[in-house]
Structures are given as C-alpha cells and as structure tokens.
Amino acid sequence: MKKLAIQLVTAVQSRQRHDDEGAVSAEYGVLLAGVVAVVAVAAVALGGRISDIFDAVL
C-alpha cells in the first residue's frame, strides 16, 4: 500500500512539473505585451521629433 502511495505522489509531482511550462509561456507573453506597449507609447510621444531628426539627416 505504501509503495502505491509513493507512486501516486511521484506521478502527481511529475505532472505538476510539466504543467508549469504553459504558465511560463503566458508570463513571457504578458512581459512582451508590456514592452510593446511601452515602445508604442514612446513612438507616439517622440514621433514628431524622430521624424524631424530623420529629415535633417537625409
């Protein structure tokens, strides 16, 4: 009986380790979305200035 309980606990722990991969991917997705939002806000805020700089260089 004890051997069966150990096998059950081992199987559950093994499954839990593999289920974390989806959570990690979701966290990276949220992080990437935040970076994209910051870049978009910066591009909108600095858009005119960046355009002027490119016009002056070219």
Protein backbone atom coordinates (compact mmCIF):
# COMPACT_ATOMS: atom_id res chain seq x y z
CA MET A 1 0.00 0.00 0.00
CA LYS A 2 2.84 2.37 0.87
CA LYS A 3 4.50 1.67 -2.49
CA LEU A 4 1.28 2.57 -4.32
CA ALA A 5 1.00 5.85 -2.41
CA ILE A 6 4.60 6.76 -3.27
CA GLN A 7 3.98 6.02 -6.95
CA LEU A 8 0.85 8.17 -6.90
CA VAL A 9 2.64 11.10 -5.28
CA THR A 10 5.54 10.78 -7.73
CA ALA A 11 3.16 10.76 -10.69
CA VAL A 12 1.31 13.86 -9.44
CA GLN A 13 4.57 15.74 -8.82
CA SER A 14 5.86 14.80 -12.26
CA ARG A 15 2.69 16.08 -13.91
CA GLN A 16 2.85 19.34 -11.97
CA ARG A 17 6.39 19.99 -13.21
CA HIS A 18 5.28 19.63 -16.82
CA ASP A 19 2.20 21.84 -16.37
CA ASP A 20 4.38 24.84 -15.40
CA GLU A 21 5.61 25.27 -18.97
CA GLY A 22 2.33 26.84 -20.08
CA ALA A 23 2.41 29.31 -17.22
CA VAL A 24 5.95 30.36 -18.09
CA SER A 25 4.94 30.95 -21.72
CA ALA A 26 1.98 33.04 -20.60
CA GLU A 27 4.21 35.12 -18.33
CA TYR A 28 6.62 35.80 -21.20
CA GLY A 29 3.66 36.80 -23.36
CA VAL A 30 2.48 39.30 -20.77
CA LEU A 31 6.00 40.67 -20.40
CA LEU A 32 6.35 41.02 -24.17
CA ALA A 33 2.99 42.81 -24.38
CA GLY A 34 4.18 45.28 -21.74
CA VAL A 35 7.40 46.00 -23.65
CA VAL A 36 5.44 46.50 -26.87
CA ALA A 37 3.08 48.92 -25.11
CA VAL A 38 5.99 50.96 -23.75
CA VAL A 39 7.64 51.13 -27.18
CA ALA A 40 4.34 52.16 -28.80
CA VAL A 41 3.77 54.95 -26.27
CA ALA A 42 7.35 56.16 -26.72
CA ALA A 43 6.97 56.12 -30.51
CA VAL A 44 3.78 58.17 -30.33
CA ALA A 45 5.26 60.62 -27.84
CA LEU A 46 8.50 61.10 -29.77
CA GLY A 47 7.15 60.56 -33.28
CA GLY A 48 7.42 64.15 -34.45
CA ARG A 49 10.90 64.64 -33.05
CA ILE A 50 12.21 61.42 -34.57
CA SER A 51 10.73 62.40 -37.93
CA ASP A 52 12.48 65.79 -37.76
CA ILE A 53 15.79 64.12 -36.96
CA PHE A 54 15.48 61.76 -39.91
CA ASP A 55 14.53 64.62 -42.21
CA ALA A 56 17.58 66.59 -41.10
CA VAL A 57 19.92 63.62 -41.65
CA LEU A 58 18.51 62.61 -45.00
